[in-house]
mmCIF file of all heavy atoms, coordinates in Angstrom:
data_MODEL
# 
_entry.id   MODEL 
# 
loop_
_atom_site.group_PDB 
_atom_site.id 
_atom_site.type_symbol 
_atom_site.label_atom_id 
_atom_site.label_alt_id 
_atom_site.label_comp_id 
_atom_site.label_asym_id 
_atom_site.label_entity_id 
_atom_site.label_seq_id 
_atom_site.pdbx_PDB_ins_code 
_atom_site.Cartn_x 
_atom_site.Cartn_y 
_atom_site.Cartn_z 
_atom_site.occupancy 
_atom_site.B_iso_or_equiv 
_atom_site.pdbx_formal_charge 
_atom_site.auth_seq_id 
_atom_site.auth_comp_id 
_atom_site.auth_asym_id 
_atom_site.auth_atom_id 
_atom_site.pdbx_PDB_model_num 
ATOM 1   N N   . GLU A 1 1  ? 0.816  -1.209 0.000  1.00 0.00 ? 1  GLU A N   1 
ATOM 2   C CA  . GLU A 1 1  ? 0.000  0.000  0.000  1.00 0.00 ? 1  GLU A CA  1 
ATOM 3   C C   . GLU A 1 1  ? 0.855  1.266  0.000  1.00 0.00 ? 1  GLU A C   1 
ATOM 4   O O   . GLU A 1 1  ? 2.006  1.265  0.448  1.00 0.00 ? 1  GLU A O   1 
ATOM 5   C CB  . GLU A 1 1  ? -0.920 0.038  1.232  1.00 0.00 ? 1  GLU A CB  1 
ATOM 6   C CG  . GLU A 1 1  ? -2.121 -0.866 1.136  1.00 0.00 ? 1  GLU A CG  1 
ATOM 7   C CD  . GLU A 1 1  ? -3.177 -0.532 2.171  1.00 0.00 ? 1  GLU A CD  1 
ATOM 8   O OE1 . GLU A 1 1  ? -3.181 0.603  2.689  1.00 0.00 ? 1  GLU A OE1 1 
ATOM 9   O OE2 . GLU A 1 1  ? -4.021 -1.411 2.462  1.00 0.00 ? 1  GLU A OE2 1 
ATOM 10  N N   . ALA A 1 2  ? 0.247  2.342  -0.512 1.00 0.00 ? 2  ALA A N   1 
ATOM 11  C CA  . ALA A 1 2  ? 0.795  3.692  -0.359 1.00 0.00 ? 2  ALA A CA  1 
ATOM 12  C C   . ALA A 1 2  ? 0.088  4.328  0.832  1.00 0.00 ? 2  ALA A C   1 
ATOM 13  O O   . ALA A 1 2  ? -1.148 4.368  0.878  1.00 0.00 ? 2  ALA A O   1 
ATOM 14  C CB  . ALA A 1 2  ? 0.571  4.515  -1.616 1.00 0.00 ? 2  ALA A CB  1 
ATOM 15  N N   . VAL A 1 3  ? 0.861  4.827  1.792  1.00 0.00 ? 3  VAL A N   1 
ATOM 16  C CA  . VAL A 1 3  ? 0.316  5.241  3.079  1.00 0.00 ? 3  VAL A CA  1 
ATOM 17  C C   . VAL A 1 3  ? 0.800  6.644  3.435  1.00 0.00 ? 3  VAL A C   1 
ATOM 18  O O   . VAL A 1 3  ? 1.984  6.961  3.270  1.00 0.00 ? 3  VAL A O   1 
ATOM 19  C CB  . VAL A 1 3  ? 0.735  4.253  4.192  1.00 0.00 ? 3  VAL A CB  1 
ATOM 20  C CG1 . VAL A 1 3  ? 0.175  4.685  5.548  1.00 0.00 ? 3  VAL A CG1 1 
ATOM 21  C CG2 . VAL A 1 3  ? 0.288  2.839  3.848  1.00 0.00 ? 3  VAL A CG2 1 
ATOM 22  N N   . GLY A 1 4  ? -0.096 7.467  3.950  1.00 0.00 ? 4  GLY A N   1 
ATOM 23  C CA  . GLY A 1 4  ? 0.271  8.758  4.525  1.00 0.00 ? 4  GLY A CA  1 
ATOM 24  C C   . GLY A 1 4  ? 0.161  8.677  6.034  1.00 0.00 ? 4  GLY A C   1 
ATOM 25  O O   . GLY A 1 4  ? -0.838 8.173  6.556  1.00 0.00 ? 4  GLY A O   1 
ATOM 26  N N   . VAL A 1 5  ? 1.171  9.163  6.753  1.00 0.00 ? 5  VAL A N   1 
ATOM 27  C CA  . VAL A 1 5  ? 1.184  9.108  8.219  1.00 0.00 ? 5  VAL A CA  1 
ATOM 28  C C   . VAL A 1 5  ? 1.269  10.522 8.752  1.00 0.00 ? 5  VAL A C   1 
ATOM 29  O O   . VAL A 1 5  ? 2.254  11.234 8.521  1.00 0.00 ? 5  VAL A O   1 
ATOM 30  C CB  . VAL A 1 5  ? 2.358  8.259  8.752  1.00 0.00 ? 5  VAL A CB  1 
ATOM 31  C CG1 . VAL A 1 5  ? 2.336  8.237  10.276 1.00 0.00 ? 5  VAL A CG1 1 
ATOM 32  C CG2 . VAL A 1 5  ? 2.288  6.840  8.205  1.00 0.00 ? 5  VAL A CG2 1 
ATOM 33  N N   . ASP A 1 6  ? 0.253  10.929 9.493  1.00 0.00 ? 6  ASP A N   1 
ATOM 34  C CA  . ASP A 1 6  ? 0.145  12.283 10.015 1.00 0.00 ? 6  ASP A CA  1 
ATOM 35  C C   . ASP A 1 6  ? 1.182  12.539 11.104 1.00 0.00 ? 6  ASP A C   1 
ATOM 36  O O   . ASP A 1 6  ? 1.834  11.627 11.619 1.00 0.00 ? 6  ASP A O   1 
ATOM 37  C CB  . ASP A 1 6  ? -1.268 12.499 10.554 1.00 0.00 ? 6  ASP A CB  1 
ATOM 38  C CG  . ASP A 1 6  ? -1.677 13.957 10.628 1.00 0.00 ? 6  ASP A CG  1 
ATOM 39  O OD1 . ASP A 1 6  ? -0.840 14.833 10.307 1.00 0.00 ? 6  ASP A OD1 1 
ATOM 40  O OD2 . ASP A 1 6  ? -2.827 14.231 11.018 1.00 0.00 ? 6  ASP A OD2 1 
ATOM 41  N N   . SER A 1 7  ? 1.291  13.803 11.490 1.00 0.00 ? 7  SER A N   1 
ATOM 42  C CA  . SER A 1 7  ? 2.206  14.216 12.552 1.00 0.00 ? 7  SER A CA  1 
ATOM 43  C C   . SER A 1 7  ? 1.626  13.867 13.914 1.00 0.00 ? 7  SER A C   1 
ATOM 44  O O   . SER A 1 7  ? 0.530  13.311 14.030 1.00 0.00 ? 7  SER A O   1 
ATOM 45  C CB  . SER A 1 7  ? 2.464  15.722 12.455 1.00 0.00 ? 7  SER A CB  1 
ATOM 46  O OG  . SER A 1 7  ? 1.237  16.427 12.549 1.00 0.00 ? 7  SER A OG  1 
ATOM 47  N N   . GLY A 1 8  ? 2.356  14.221 14.982 1.00 0.00 ? 8  GLY A N   1 
ATOM 48  C CA  . GLY A 1 8  ? 1.887  13.960 16.329 1.00 0.00 ? 8  GLY A CA  1 
ATOM 49  C C   . GLY A 1 8  ? 2.491  12.698 16.907 1.00 0.00 ? 8  GLY A C   1 
ATOM 50  O O   . GLY A 1 8  ? 3.122  11.892 16.210 1.00 0.00 ? 8  GLY A O   1 
ATOM 51  N N   . THR A 1 9  ? 2.281  12.516 18.192 1.00 0.00 ? 9  THR A N   1 
ATOM 52  C CA  . THR A 1 9  ? 2.897  11.390 18.899 1.00 0.00 ? 9  THR A CA  1 
ATOM 53  C C   . THR A 1 9  ? 2.310  10.054 18.471 1.00 0.00 ? 9  THR A C   1 
ATOM 54  O O   . THR A 1 9  ? 3.037  9.066  18.341 1.00 0.00 ? 9  THR A O   1 
ATOM 55  C CB  . THR A 1 9  ? 2.733  11.562 20.411 1.00 0.00 ? 9  THR A CB  1 
ATOM 56  O OG1 . THR A 1 9  ? 1.341  11.725 20.737 1.00 0.00 ? 9  THR A OG1 1 
ATOM 57  C CG2 . THR A 1 9  ? 3.482  12.799 20.900 1.00 0.00 ? 9  THR A CG2 1 
ATOM 58  N N   . THR A 1 10 ? 0.998  9.998  18.238 1.00 0.00 ? 10 THR A N   1 
ATOM 59  C CA  . THR A 1 10 ? 0.392  8.742  17.810 1.00 0.00 ? 10 THR A CA  1 
ATOM 60  C C   . THR A 1 10 ? 0.772  8.426  16.373 1.00 0.00 ? 10 THR A C   1 
ATOM 61  O O   . THR A 1 10 ? 0.977  7.259  16.018 1.00 0.00 ? 10 THR A O   1 
ATOM 62  C CB  . THR A 1 10 ? -1.138 8.792  17.969 1.00 0.00 ? 10 THR A CB  1 
ATOM 63  O OG1 . THR A 1 10 ? -1.469 9.311  19.258 1.00 0.00 ? 10 THR A OG1 1 
ATOM 64  C CG2 . THR A 1 10 ? -1.736 7.401  17.847 1.00 0.00 ? 10 THR A CG2 1 
ATOM 65  N N   . GLY A 1 11 ? 0.903  9.455  15.541 1.00 0.00 ? 11 GLY A N   1 
ATOM 66  C CA  . GLY A 1 11 ? 1.390  9.231  14.178 1.00 0.00 ? 11 GLY A CA  1 
ATOM 67  C C   . GLY A 1 11 ? 2.788  8.655  14.169 1.00 0.00 ? 11 GLY A C   1 
ATOM 68  O O   . GLY A 1 11 ? 3.096  7.742  13.391 1.00 0.00 ? 11 GLY A O   1 
ATOM 69  N N   . ALA A 1 12 ? 3.659  9.172  15.033 1.00 0.00 ? 12 ALA A N   1 
ATOM 70  C CA  . ALA A 1 12 ? 5.015  8.644  15.120 1.00 0.00 ? 12 ALA A CA  1 
ATOM 71  C C   . ALA A 1 12 ? 5.009  7.191  15.581 1.00 0.00 ? 12 ALA A C   1 
ATOM 72  O O   . ALA A 1 12 ? 5.810  6.371  15.117 1.00 0.00 ? 12 ALA A O   1 
ATOM 73  C CB  . ALA A 1 12 ? 5.851  9.497  16.070 1.00 0.00 ? 12 ALA A CB  1 
ATOM 74  N N   . ALA A 1 13 ? 4.093  6.855  16.503 1.00 0.00 ? 13 ALA A N   1 
ATOM 75  C CA  . ALA A 1 13 ? 3.987  5.479  16.965 1.00 0.00 ? 13 ALA A CA  1 
ATOM 76  C C   . ALA A 1 13 ? 3.517  4.555  15.845 1.00 0.00 ? 13 ALA A C   1 
ATOM 77  O O   . ALA A 1 13 ? 3.990  3.408  15.727 1.00 0.00 ? 13 ALA A O   1 
ATOM 78  C CB  . ALA A 1 13 ? 3.027  5.401  18.158 1.00 0.00 ? 13 ALA A CB  1 
ATOM 79  N N   . VAL A 1 14 ? 2.599  5.022  14.997 1.00 0.00 ? 14 VAL A N   1 
ATOM 80  C CA  . VAL A 1 14 ? 2.166  4.228  13.845 1.00 0.00 ? 14 VAL A CA  1 
ATOM 81  C C   . VAL A 1 14 ? 3.322  4.020  12.878 1.00 0.00 ? 14 VAL A C   1 
ATOM 82  O O   . VAL A 1 14 ? 3.535  2.911  12.360 1.00 0.00 ? 14 VAL A O   1 
ATOM 83  C CB  . VAL A 1 14 ? 0.977  4.901  13.134 1.00 0.00 ? 14 VAL A CB  1 
ATOM 84  C CG1 . VAL A 1 14 ? 0.694  4.223  11.793 1.00 0.00 ? 14 VAL A CG1 1 
ATOM 85  C CG2 . VAL A 1 14 ? -0.267 4.856  14.010 1.00 0.00 ? 14 VAL A CG2 1 
ATOM 86  N N   . ALA A 1 15 ? 4.082  5.075  12.619 1.00 0.00 ? 15 ALA A N   1 
ATOM 87  C CA  . ALA A 1 15 ? 5.240  4.949  11.723 1.00 0.00 ? 15 ALA A CA  1 
ATOM 88  C C   . ALA A 1 15 ? 6.210  3.893  12.227 1.00 0.00 ? 15 ALA A C   1 
ATOM 89  O O   . ALA A 1 15 ? 6.773  3.105  11.439 1.00 0.00 ? 15 ALA A O   1 
ATOM 90  C CB  . ALA A 1 15 ? 5.938  6.301  11.586 1.00 0.00 ? 15 ALA A CB  1 
ATOM 91  N N   . GLN A 1 16 ? 6.435  3.850  13.526 1.00 0.00 ? 16 GLN A N   1 
ATOM 92  C CA  . GLN A 1 16 ? 7.321  2.849  14.105 1.00 0.00 ? 16 GLN A CA  1 
ATOM 93  C C   . GLN A 1 16 ? 6.802  1.441  13.814 1.00 0.00 ? 16 GLN A C   1 
ATOM 94  O O   . GLN A 1 16 ? 7.578  0.526  13.506 1.00 0.00 ? 16 GLN A O   1 
ATOM 95  C CB  . GLN A 1 16 ? 7.427  3.059  15.622 1.00 0.00 ? 16 GLN A CB  1 
ATOM 96  C CG  . GLN A 1 16 ? 8.414  2.146  16.319 1.00 0.00 ? 16 GLN A CG  1 
ATOM 97  C CD  . GLN A 1 16 ? 9.844  2.435  15.903 1.00 0.00 ? 16 GLN A CD  1 
ATOM 98  O OE1 . GLN A 1 16 ? 10.280 3.580  15.941 1.00 0.00 ? 16 GLN A OE1 1 
ATOM 99  N NE2 . GLN A 1 16 ? 10.568 1.406  15.492 1.00 0.00 ? 16 GLN A NE2 1 
ATOM 100 N N   . GLN A 1 17 ? 5.489  1.255  13.903 1.00 0.00 ? 17 GLN A N   1 
ATOM 101 C CA  . GLN A 1 17 ? 4.896  -0.050 13.631 1.00 0.00 ? 17 GLN A CA  1 
ATOM 102 C C   . GLN A 1 17 ? 4.982  -0.426 12.146 1.00 0.00 ? 17 GLN A C   1 
ATOM 103 O O   . GLN A 1 17 ? 5.041  -1.609 11.805 1.00 0.00 ? 17 GLN A O   1 
ATOM 104 C CB  . GLN A 1 17 ? 3.433  -0.057 14.076 1.00 0.00 ? 17 GLN A CB  1 
ATOM 105 C CG  . GLN A 1 17 ? 3.235  0.062  15.572 1.00 0.00 ? 17 GLN A CG  1 
ATOM 106 C CD  . GLN A 1 17 ? 3.784  -1.137 16.321 1.00 0.00 ? 17 GLN A CD  1 
ATOM 107 O OE1 . GLN A 1 17 ? 3.699  -2.274 15.860 1.00 0.00 ? 17 GLN A OE1 1 
ATOM 108 N NE2 . GLN A 1 17 ? 4.369  -0.884 17.481 1.00 0.00 ? 17 GLN A NE2 1 
ATOM 109 N N   . LEU A 1 18 ? 4.990  0.568  11.268 1.00 0.00 ? 18 LEU A N   1 
ATOM 110 C CA  . LEU A 1 18 ? 5.036  0.310  9.826  1.00 0.00 ? 18 LEU A CA  1 
ATOM 111 C C   . LEU A 1 18 ? 6.443  0.055  9.314  1.00 0.00 ? 18 LEU A C   1 
ATOM 112 O O   . LEU A 1 18 ? 6.611  -0.397 8.173  1.00 0.00 ? 18 LEU A O   1 
ATOM 113 C CB  . LEU A 1 18 ? 4.435  1.497  9.074  1.00 0.00 ? 18 LEU A CB  1 
ATOM 114 C CG  . LEU A 1 18 ? 2.952  1.804  9.314  1.00 0.00 ? 18 LEU A CG  1 
ATOM 115 C CD1 . LEU A 1 18 ? 2.552  3.051  8.528  1.00 0.00 ? 18 LEU A CD1 1 
ATOM 116 C CD2 . LEU A 1 18 ? 2.069  0.626  8.932  1.00 0.00 ? 18 LEU A CD2 1 
ATOM 117 N N   . ALA A 1 19 ? 7.448  0.329  10.126 1.00 0.00 ? 19 ALA A N   1 
ATOM 118 C CA  . ALA A 1 19 ? 8.839  0.287  9.655  1.00 0.00 ? 19 ALA A CA  1 
ATOM 119 C C   . ALA A 1 19 ? 9.272  -1.082 9.169  1.00 0.00 ? 19 ALA A C   1 
ATOM 120 O O   . ALA A 1 19 ? 10.187 -1.185 8.341  1.00 0.00 ? 19 ALA A O   1 
ATOM 121 C CB  . ALA A 1 19 ? 9.775  0.783  10.760 1.00 0.00 ? 19 ALA A CB  1 
ATOM 122 N N   . SER A 1 20 ? 8.645  -2.128 9.649  1.00 0.00 ? 20 SER A N   1 
ATOM 123 C CA  . SER A 1 20 ? 9.036  -3.482 9.237  1.00 0.00 ? 20 SER A CA  1 
ATOM 124 C C   . SER A 1 20 ? 8.214  -3.998 8.064  1.00 0.00 ? 20 SER A C   1 
ATOM 125 O O   . SER A 1 20 ? 8.419  -5.137 7.612  1.00 0.00 ? 20 SER A O   1 
ATOM 126 C CB  . SER A 1 20 ? 8.885  -4.449 10.415 1.00 0.00 ? 20 SER A CB  1 
ATOM 127 O OG  . SER A 1 20 ? 7.534  -4.509 10.840 1.00 0.00 ? 20 SER A OG  1 
ATOM 128 N N   . ARG A 1 21 ? 7.310  -3.180 7.529  1.00 0.00 ? 21 ARG A N   1 
ATOM 129 C CA  . ARG A 1 21 ? 6.413  -3.608 6.467  1.00 0.00 ? 21 ARG A CA  1 
ATOM 130 C C   . ARG A 1 21 ? 6.942  -3.213 5.091  1.00 0.00 ? 21 ARG A C   1 
ATOM 131 O O   . ARG A 1 21 ? 7.812  -2.356 4.952  1.00 0.00 ? 21 ARG A O   1 
ATOM 132 C CB  . ARG A 1 21 ? 5.035  -2.972 6.691  1.00 0.00 ? 21 ARG A CB  1 
ATOM 133 C CG  . ARG A 1 21 ? 4.416  -3.269 8.057  1.00 0.00 ? 21 ARG A CG  1 
ATOM 134 C CD  . ARG A 1 21 ? 3.963  -4.706 8.154  1.00 0.00 ? 21 ARG A CD  1 
ATOM 135 N NE  . ARG A 1 21 ? 2.969  -4.967 7.136  1.00 0.00 ? 21 ARG A NE  1 
ATOM 136 C CZ  . ARG A 1 21 ? 1.675  -4.612 7.251  1.00 0.00 ? 21 ARG A CZ  1 
ATOM 137 N NH1 . ARG A 1 21 ? 1.242  -4.004 8.338  1.00 0.00 ? 21 ARG A NH1 1 
ATOM 138 N NH2 . ARG A 1 21 ? 0.826  -4.892 6.272  1.00 0.00 ? 21 ARG A NH2 1 
ATOM 139 N N   . ARG A 1 22 ? 6.390  -3.839 4.049  1.00 0.00 ? 22 ARG A N   1 
ATOM 140 C CA  . ARG A 1 22 ? 6.748  -3.503 2.670  1.00 0.00 ? 22 ARG A CA  1 
ATOM 141 C C   . ARG A 1 22 ? 5.714  -2.521 2.141  1.00 0.00 ? 22 ARG A C   1 
ATOM 142 O O   . ARG A 1 22 ? 4.648  -2.890 1.679  1.00 0.00 ? 22 ARG A O   1 
ATOM 143 C CB  . ARG A 1 22 ? 6.800  -4.768 1.807  1.00 0.00 ? 22 ARG A CB  1 
ATOM 144 C CG  . ARG A 1 22 ? 7.222  -4.516 0.344  1.00 0.00 ? 22 ARG A CG  1 
ATOM 145 C CD  . ARG A 1 22 ? 7.400  -5.820 -0.402 1.00 0.00 ? 22 ARG A CD  1 
ATOM 146 N NE  . ARG A 1 22 ? 6.183  -6.616 -0.378 1.00 0.00 ? 22 ARG A NE  1 
ATOM 147 C CZ  . ARG A 1 22 ? 5.128  -6.436 -1.180 1.00 0.00 ? 22 ARG A CZ  1 
ATOM 148 N NH1 . ARG A 1 22 ? 5.144  -5.447 -2.078 1.00 0.00 ? 22 ARG A NH1 1 
ATOM 149 N NH2 . ARG A 1 22 ? 4.069  -7.208 -1.096 1.00 0.00 ? 22 ARG A NH2 1 
ATOM 150 N N   . LEU A 1 23 ? 6.048  -1.224 2.224  1.00 0.00 ? 23 LEU A N   1 
ATOM 151 C CA  . LEU A 1 23 ? 5.094  -0.167 1.943  1.00 0.00 ? 23 LEU A CA  1 
ATOM 152 C C   . LEU A 1 23 ? 5.782  1.025  1.293  1.00 0.00 ? 23 LEU A C   1 
ATOM 153 O O   . LEU A 1 23 ? 7.008  1.148  1.342  1.00 0.00 ? 23 LEU A O   1 
ATOM 154 C CB  . LEU A 1 23 ? 4.437  0.327  3.247  1.00 0.00 ? 23 LEU A CB  1 
ATOM 155 C CG  . LEU A 1 23 ? 3.662  -0.689 4.088  1.00 0.00 ? 23 LEU A CG  1 
ATOM 156 C CD1 . LEU A 1 23 ? 3.428  -0.136 5.484  1.00 0.00 ? 23 LEU A CD1 1 
ATOM 157 C CD2 . LEU A 1 23 ? 2.349  -1.059 3.417  1.00 0.00 ? 23 LEU A CD2 1 
ATOM 158 N N   . THR A 1 24 ? 4.982  1.901  0.703  1.00 0.00 ? 24 THR A N   1 
ATOM 159 C CA  . THR A 1 24 ? 5.425  3.233  0.325  1.00 0.00 ? 24 THR A CA  1 
ATOM 160 C C   . THR A 1 24 ? 4.761  4.205  1.290  1.00 0.00 ? 24 THR A C   1 
ATOM 161 O O   . THR A 1 24 ? 3.527  4.217  1.398  1.00 0.00 ? 24 THR A O   1 
ATOM 162 C CB  . THR A 1 24 ? 5.025  3.571  -1.115 1.00 0.00 ? 24 THR A CB  1 
ATOM 163 O OG1 . THR A 1 24 ? 5.661  2.653  -2.012 1.00 0.00 ? 24 THR A OG1 1 
ATOM 164 C CG2 . THR A 1 24 ? 5.449  4.988  -1.467 1.00 0.00 ? 24 THR A CG2 1 
ATOM 165 N N   . VAL A 1 25 ? 5.564  4.987  1.999  1.00 0.00 ? 25 VAL A N   1 
ATOM 166 C CA  . VAL A 1 25 ? 5.023  5.815  3.068  1.00 0.00 ? 25 VAL A CA  1 
ATOM 167 C C   . VAL A 1 25 ? 5.486  7.261  2.912  1.00 0.00 ? 25 VAL A C   1 
ATOM 168 O O   . VAL A 1 25 ? 6.670  7.523  2.664  1.00 0.00 ? 25 VAL A O   1 
ATOM 169 C CB  . VAL A 1 25 ? 5.462  5.302  4.459  1.00 0.00 ? 25 VAL A CB  1 
ATOM 170 C CG1 . VAL A 1 25 ? 4.871  6.182  5.567  1.00 0.00 ? 25 VAL A CG1 1 
ATOM 171 C CG2 . VAL A 1 25 ? 5.039  3.855  4.658  1.00 0.00 ? 25 VAL A CG2 1 
ATOM 172 N N   . MET A 1 26 ? 4.544  8.184  3.069  1.00 0.00 ? 26 MET A N   1 
ATOM 173 C CA  . MET A 1 26 ? 4.879  9.598  3.152  1.00 0.00 ? 26 MET A CA  1 
ATOM 174 C C   . MET A 1 26 ? 4.618  10.047 4.590  1.00 0.00 ? 26 MET A C   1 
ATOM 175 O O   . MET A 1 26 ? 3.475  10.099 5.039  1.00 0.00 ? 26 MET A O   1 
ATOM 176 C CB  . MET A 1 26 ? 4.039  10.440 2.187  1.00 0.00 ? 26 MET A CB  1 
ATOM 177 C CG  . MET A 1 26 ? 4.339  11.935 2.286  1.00 0.00 ? 26 MET A CG  1 
ATOM 178 S SD  . MET A 1 26 ? 3.491  12.934 1.004  1.00 0.00 ? 26 MET A SD  1 
ATOM 179 C CE  . MET A 1 26 ? 4.544  12.606 -0.416 1.00 0.00 ? 26 MET A CE  1 
# 
């Protein structure tokens, strides 16, 4: 998937969870 991750503390926590996945992330 192509994914957008918003700012903020919860957004940063989501980004951490996505780091091991095969994705395109902004």
